Amino acid sequence: MHQSWKLIRLAANHPVAAFTCGTRPGAAEIDRYLREQALTEQAARLSAVWVVEDTNANALNDALVGFFSLSPVSVRLSPLLMERIGVHAPYLSIGGWLLGKMGVAVQHQGHGLGAPLVASAIAQARALRDTTAGPLLVVDPKNEQLMHWYLGLDFGFKRLAPTDPRSLRLAMKL
């Protein structure tokens, strides 16, 4: 990431009201989450939200570059899943981390920030794994285009149900 950018936990003083992902499909949902739900969910310990802050921003409204959320998730184990992901356990399901909402401010889109945000989410999930457990990072792409984007990042995401065209859920071993 850029030298003047830092990754920190979302706080009440962040200018979320000014953040927008633009007008692309799904952007309004991402904006609404950050503005209306993120702090409440974080306070209730339902998710943790990290923001990328530009410490050299000329205006407070330009300070937030992007964000992502992580939440605990439980994944039902199957022989296929254990083979695909390389996680073996004598349980019906195992815990991990869901990379939930993620957004990049419209003025920073098209500059390759998505992959570094996902890499940061992976690093945070690994840190959580090291302190609490949870060997998987899961993502639920909203459409096939996003699914292929995540797969193309080459972080090790794999489809959990590759033969089910309705299931776009991806996971990777942390």
C-alpha atoms as a PDB file:
ATOM      1  CA  MET A   1       0.000   0.000   0.000  1.00  0.00           C
ATOM      2  CA  HIS A   2       0.925   3.618  -0.379  1.00  0.00           C
ATOM      3  CA  GLN A   3       3.388   5.031   2.197  1.00  0.00           C
ATOM      4  CA  SER A   4       0.919   7.556   3.604  1.00  0.00           C
ATOM      5  CA  TRP A   5      -1.790   4.927   4.073  1.00  0.00           C
ATOM      6  CA  LYS A   6      -2.267   3.048   7.297  1.00  0.00           C
ATOM      7  CA  LEU A   7      -4.583   0.192   8.213  1.00  0.00           C
ATOM      8  CA  ILE A   8      -6.441   0.753  11.485  1.00  0.00           C
ATOM      9  CA  ARG A   9      -9.643  -0.364  13.182  1.00  0.00           C
ATOM     10  CA  LEU A  10     -12.722   1.686  12.420  1.00  0.00           C
ATOM     11  CA  ALA A  11     -13.446   4.301  15.090  1.00  0.00           C
ATOM     12  CA  ALA A  12     -16.323   6.686  15.711  1.00  0.00           C
ATOM     13  CA  ASN A  13     -14.248   9.661  14.533  1.00  0.00           C
ATOM     14  CA  HIS A  14     -13.715   8.306  11.007  1.00  0.00           C
ATOM     15  CA  PRO A  15     -15.575  10.325   8.342  1.00  0.00           C
ATOM     16  CA  VAL A  16     -17.752   7.449   7.124  1.00  0.00           C
ATOM     17  CA  ALA A  17     -20.598   9.752   6.015  1.00  0.00           C
ATOM     18  CA  ALA A  18     -18.404  11.059   3.187  1.00  0.00           C
ATOM     19  CA  PHE A  19     -17.262   7.596   2.014  1.00  0.00           C
ATOM     20  CA  THR A  20     -18.727   6.297  -1.238  1.00  0.00           C
ATOM     21  CA  CYS A  21     -17.895   3.435  -3.547  1.00  0.00           C
ATOM     22  CA  GLY A  22     -19.648   5.229  -6.397  1.00  0.00           C
ATOM     23  CA  THR A  23     -22.612   4.086  -8.459  1.00  0.00           C
ATOM     24  CA  ARG A  24     -21.620   0.572  -9.522  1.00  0.00           C
ATOM     25  CA  PRO A  25     -24.073  -2.232  -8.739  1.00  0.00           C
ATOM     26  CA  GLY A  26     -23.804  -3.105  -5.047  1.00  0.00           C
ATOM     27  CA  ALA A  27     -21.977   0.117  -4.109  1.00  0.00           C
ATOM     28  CA  ALA A  28     -24.941   1.594  -2.233  1.00  0.00           C
ATOM     29  CA  GLU A  29     -25.101  -1.528  -0.025  1.00  0.00           C
ATOM     30  CA  ILE A  30     -21.382  -1.233   0.787  1.00  0.00           C
ATOM     31  CA  ASP A  31     -21.720   2.496   1.553  1.00  0.00           C
ATOM     32  CA  ARG A  32     -24.771   1.883   3.751  1.00  0.00           C
ATOM     33  CA  TYR A  33     -22.959  -0.839   5.700  1.00  0.00           C
ATOM     34  CA  LEU A  34     -19.991   1.413   6.510  1.00  0.00           C
ATOM     35  CA  ARG A  35     -22.173   4.411   7.360  1.00  0.00           C
ATOM     36  CA  GLU A  36     -24.966   2.702   9.306  1.00  0.00           C
ATOM     37  CA  GLN A  37     -23.937  -0.753  10.524  1.00  0.00           C
ATOM     38  CA  ALA A  38     -20.190  -1.168  10.813  1.00  0.00           C
ATOM     39  CA  LEU A  39     -19.632   0.571  14.157  1.00  0.00           C
ATOM     40  CA  THR A  40     -22.719  -1.031  15.713  1.00  0.00           C
ATOM     41  CA  GLU A  41     -21.694  -4.520  14.592  1.00  0.00           C
ATOM     42  CA  GLN A  42     -18.127  -3.926  15.744  1.00  0.00           C
ATOM     43  CA  ALA A  43     -19.321  -2.720  19.175  1.00  0.00           C
ATOM     44  CA  ALA A  44     -21.486  -5.858  19.477  1.00  0.00           C
ATOM     45  CA  ARG A  45     -18.429  -7.994  18.545  1.00  0.00           C
ATOM     46  CA  LEU A  46     -20.226  -9.348  15.477  1.00  0.00           C
ATOM     47  CA  SER A  47     -17.493  -8.130  13.157  1.00  0.00           C
ATOM     48  CA  ALA A  48     -14.268  -6.186  13.134  1.00  0.00           C
ATOM     49  CA  VAL A  49     -13.817  -3.428  10.578  1.00  0.00           C
ATOM     50  CA  TRP A  50     -10.480  -2.119   9.351  1.00  0.00           C
ATOM     51  CA  VAL A  51     -10.121   1.061   7.335  1.00  0.00           C
ATOM     52  CA  VAL A  52      -7.292   2.304   5.167  1.00  0.00           C
ATOM     53  CA  GLU A  53      -6.666   5.892   6.144  1.00  0.00           C
ATOM     54  CA  ASP A  54      -4.675   8.360   4.039  1.00  0.00           C
ATOM     55  CA  THR A  55      -2.615  10.331   6.548  1.00  0.00           C
ATOM     56  CA  ASN A  56      -1.724  12.895   3.857  1.00  0.00           C
ATOM     57  CA  ALA A  57      -5.304  13.577   2.729  1.00  0.00           C
ATOM     58  CA  ASN A  58      -5.944  17.252   2.019  1.00  0.00           C
ATOM     59  CA  ALA A  59      -9.529  17.048   3.243  1.00  0.00           C
ATOM     60  CA  LEU A  60     -11.045  14.983   6.033  1.00  0.00           C
ATOM     61  CA  ASN A  61     -13.599  13.641   3.547  1.00  0.00           C
ATOM     62  CA  ASP A  62     -10.778  12.108   1.485  1.00  0.00           C
ATOM     63  CA  ALA A  63      -9.129  10.362   4.456  1.00  0.00           C
ATOM     64  CA  LEU A  64     -10.803   6.958   4.010  1.00  0.00           C
ATOM     65  CA  VAL A  65      -9.394   5.031   1.076  1.00  0.00           C
ATOM     66  CA  GLY A  66     -11.109   1.691   1.677  1.00  0.00           C
ATOM     67  CA  PHE A  67     -12.216  -0.819   4.282  1.00  0.00           C
ATOM     68  CA  PHE A  68     -13.023  -4.459   4.959  1.00  0.00           C
ATOM     69  CA  SER A  69     -14.793  -6.427   7.663  1.00  0.00           C
ATOM     70  CA  LEU A  70     -14.045  -9.793   9.224  1.00  0.00           C
ATOM     71  CA  SER A  71     -16.562 -11.878  11.142  1.00  0.00           C
ATOM     72  CA  PRO A  72     -16.462 -15.330  12.701  1.00  0.00           C
ATOM     73  CA  VAL A  73     -17.928 -18.020  10.459  1.00  0.00           C
ATOM     74  CA  SER A  74     -18.608 -21.739  10.748  1.00  0.00           C
ATOM     75  CA  VAL A  75     -18.129 -24.004   7.747  1.00  0.00           C
ATOM     76  CA  ARG A  76     -19.657 -27.467   7.500  1.00  0.00           C
ATOM     77  CA  LEU A  77     -16.963 -30.014   6.715  1.00  0.00           C
ATOM     78  CA  SER A  78     -17.262 -32.562   3.965  1.00  0.00           C
ATOM     79  CA  PRO A  79     -14.712 -34.921   2.446  1.00  0.00           C
ATOM     80  CA  LEU A  80     -14.602 -32.716  -0.682  1.00  0.00           C
ATOM     81  CA  LEU A  81     -14.004 -29.571   1.357  1.00  0.00           C
ATOM     82  CA  MET A  82     -11.279 -31.206   3.420  1.00  0.00           C
ATOM     83  CA  GLU A  83      -9.575 -32.341   0.217  1.00  0.00           C
ATOM     84  CA  ARG A  84      -9.919 -28.998  -1.611  1.00  0.00           C
ATOM     85  CA  ILE A  85      -8.848 -26.785   1.284  1.00  0.00           C
ATOM     86  CA  GLY A  86      -6.458 -29.179   2.997  1.00  0.00           C
ATOM     87  CA  VAL A  87      -8.060 -28.891   6.416  1.00  0.00           C
ATOM     88  CA  HIS A  88      -8.817 -32.151   8.213  1.00  0.00           C
ATOM     89  CA  ALA A  89     -10.702 -32.312  11.490  1.00  0.00           C
ATOM     90  CA  PRO A  90     -12.892 -34.861  13.263  1.00  0.00           C
ATOM     91  CA  TYR A  91     -15.786 -32.367  13.505  1.00  0.00           C
ATOM     92  CA  LEU A  92     -18.950 -31.637  11.555  1.00  0.00           C
ATOM     93  CA  SER A  93     -17.919 -28.010  11.119  1.00  0.00           C
ATOM     94  CA  ILE A  94     -14.985 -25.735  11.832  1.00  0.00           C
ATOM     95  CA  GLY A  95     -14.632 -22.045  12.490  1.00  0.00           C
ATOM     96  CA  GLY A  96     -12.878 -19.452  10.467  1.00  0.00           C
ATOM     97  CA  TRP A  97     -13.220 -15.866   9.337  1.00  0.00           C
ATOM     98  CA  LEU A  98     -15.587 -14.344   6.812  1.00  0.00           C
ATOM     99  CA  LEU A  99     -14.239 -11.511   4.690  1.00  0.00           C
ATOM    100  CA  GLY A 100     -17.536  -9.664   4.606  1.00  0.00           C
ATOM    101  CA  LYS A 101     -18.054  -6.188   3.296  1.00  0.00           C
ATOM    102  CA  MET A 102     -15.174  -4.553   1.466  1.00  0.00           C
ATOM    103  CA  GLY A 103     -15.092  -1.250  -0.358  1.00  0.00           C
ATOM    104  CA  VAL A 104     -12.741   1.171  -2.073  1.00  0.00           C
ATOM    105  CA  ALA A 105     -13.550   4.883  -2.223  1.00  0.00           C
ATOM    106  CA  VAL A 106     -14.575   5.907  -5.729  1.00  0.00           C
ATOM    107  CA  GLN A 107     -11.634   8.297  -6.119  1.00  0.00           C
ATOM    108  CA  HIS A 108      -9.206   5.402  -5.461  1.00  0.00           C
ATOM    109  CA  GLN A 109     -10.851   2.789  -7.684  1.00  0.00           C
ATOM    110  CA  GLY A 110      -8.952   1.497 -10.671  1.00  0.00           C
ATOM    111  CA  HIS A 111      -5.573   1.775  -8.933  1.00  0.00           C
ATOM    112  CA  GLY A 112      -5.228  -1.832  -7.811  1.00  0.00           C
ATOM    113  CA  LEU A 113      -6.202  -1.362  -4.161  1.00  0.00           C
ATOM    114  CA  GLY A 114      -8.529  -4.397  -4.064  1.00  0.00           C
ATOM    115  CA  ALA A 115      -5.752  -6.998  -3.925  1.00  0.00           C
ATOM    116  CA  PRO A 116      -3.831  -5.213  -1.133  1.00  0.00           C
ATOM    117  CA  LEU A 117      -7.085  -4.936   0.849  1.00  0.00           C
ATOM    118  CA  VAL A 118      -7.654  -8.683   0.515  1.00  0.00           C
ATOM    119  CA  ALA A 119      -4.008  -9.313   1.468  1.00  0.00           C
ATOM    120  CA  SER A 120      -4.521  -7.146   4.563  1.00  0.00           C
ATOM    121  CA  ALA A 121      -7.678  -9.072   5.432  1.00  0.00           C
ATOM    122  CA  ILE A 122      -5.743 -12.345   5.112  1.00  0.00           C
ATOM    123  CA  ALA A 123      -3.020 -10.992   7.401  1.00  0.00           C
ATOM    124  CA  GLN A 124      -5.598  -9.904   9.993  1.00  0.00           C
ATOM    125  CA  ALA A 125      -7.392 -13.276   9.796  1.00  0.00           C
ATOM    126  CA  ARG A 126      -4.061 -15.049  10.303  1.00  0.00           C
ATOM    127  CA  ALA A 127      -3.378 -12.911  13.363  1.00  0.00           C
ATOM    128  CA  LEU A 128      -6.831 -13.794  14.704  1.00  0.00           C
ATOM    129  CA  ARG A 129      -6.206 -17.461  13.929  1.00  0.00           C
ATOM    130  CA  ASP A 130      -2.971 -17.327  15.887  1.00  0.00           C
ATOM    131  CA  THR A 131      -4.709 -15.951  18.969  1.00  0.00           C
ATOM    132  CA  THR A 132      -8.080 -17.718  18.815  1.00  0.00           C
ATOM    133  CA  ALA A 133      -8.030 -20.438  16.095  1.00  0.00           C
ATOM    134  CA  GLY A 134      -9.998 -20.620  12.855  1.00  0.00           C
ATOM    135  CA  PRO A 135      -8.014 -22.089   9.957  1.00  0.00           C
ATOM    136  CA  LEU A 136     -10.122 -20.732   7.080  1.00  0.00           C
ATOM    137  CA  LEU A 137     -10.849 -17.411   5.414  1.00  0.00           C
ATOM    138  CA  VAL A 138     -14.190 -17.475   3.602  1.00  0.00           C
ATOM    139  CA  VAL A 139     -15.688 -15.012   1.148  1.00  0.00           C
ATOM    140  CA  ASP A 140     -19.166 -14.940  -0.403  1.00  0.00           C
ATOM    141  CA  PRO A 141     -18.843 -13.092  -3.727  1.00  0.00           C
ATOM    142  CA  LYS A 142     -22.054 -11.413  -4.872  1.00  0.00           C
ATOM    143  CA  ASN A 143     -21.686 -12.601  -8.469  1.00  0.00           C
ATOM    144  CA  GLU A 144     -19.558 -14.769 -10.759  1.00  0.00           C
ATOM    145  CA  GLN A 145     -17.433 -11.819 -11.885  1.00  0.00           C
ATOM    146  CA  LEU A 146     -16.369 -11.145  -8.272  1.00  0.00           C
ATOM    147  CA  MET A 147     -15.829 -14.856  -7.687  1.00  0.00           C
ATOM    148  CA  HIS A 148     -13.420 -14.990 -10.633  1.00  0.00           C
ATOM    149  CA  TRP A 149     -11.706 -11.813  -9.391  1.00  0.00           C
ATOM    150  CA  TYR A 150     -11.000 -13.451  -6.004  1.00  0.00           C
ATOM    151  CA  LEU A 151      -9.818 -16.659  -7.684  1.00  0.00           C
ATOM    152  CA  GLY A 152      -7.551 -14.621  -9.970  1.00  0.00           C
ATOM    153  CA  LEU A 153      -5.815 -12.957  -7.016  1.00  0.00           C
ATOM    154  CA  ASP A 154      -3.884 -16.192  -6.504  1.00  0.00           C
ATOM    155  CA  PHE A 155      -4.127 -16.149  -2.704  1.00  0.00           C
ATOM    156  CA  GLY A 156      -5.346 -19.750  -2.672  1.00  0.00           C
ATOM    157  CA  PHE A 157      -9.121 -19.295  -2.642  1.00  0.00           C
ATOM    158  CA  LYS A 158     -11.066 -22.334  -3.851  1.00  0.00           C
ATOM    159  CA  ARG A 159     -14.751 -22.891  -4.486  1.00  0.00           C
ATOM    160  CA  LEU A 160     -16.349 -24.864  -1.687  1.00  0.00           C
ATOM    161  CA  ALA A 161     -18.973 -26.399  -3.968  1.00  0.00           C
ATOM    162  CA  PRO A 162     -17.472 -26.341  -7.475  1.00  0.00           C
ATOM    163  CA  THR A 163     -20.230 -28.498  -8.960  1.00  0.00           C
ATOM    164  CA  ASP A 164     -23.051 -26.283  -7.641  1.00  0.00           C
ATOM    165  CA  PRO A 165     -23.425 -23.246  -9.929  1.00  0.00           C
ATOM    166  CA  ARG A 166     -25.585 -21.483  -7.303  1.00  0.00           C
ATOM    167  CA  SER A 167     -22.824 -21.557  -4.675  1.00  0.00           C
ATOM    168  CA  LEU A 168     -20.095 -18.979  -5.210  1.00  0.00           C
ATOM    169  CA  ARG A 169     -18.606 -19.355  -1.696  1.00  0.00           C
ATOM    170  CA  LEU A 170     -14.825 -19.454  -1.658  1.00  0.00           C
ATOM    171  CA  ALA A 171     -12.406 -20.411   1.103  1.00  0.00           C
ATOM    172  CA  MET A 172      -8.693 -20.573   1.638  1.00  0.00           C
ATOM    173  CA  LYS A 173      -6.564 -22.183   4.292  1.00  0.00           C
ATOM    174  CA  LEU A 174      -4.859 -19.589   6.465  1.00  0.00           C
END
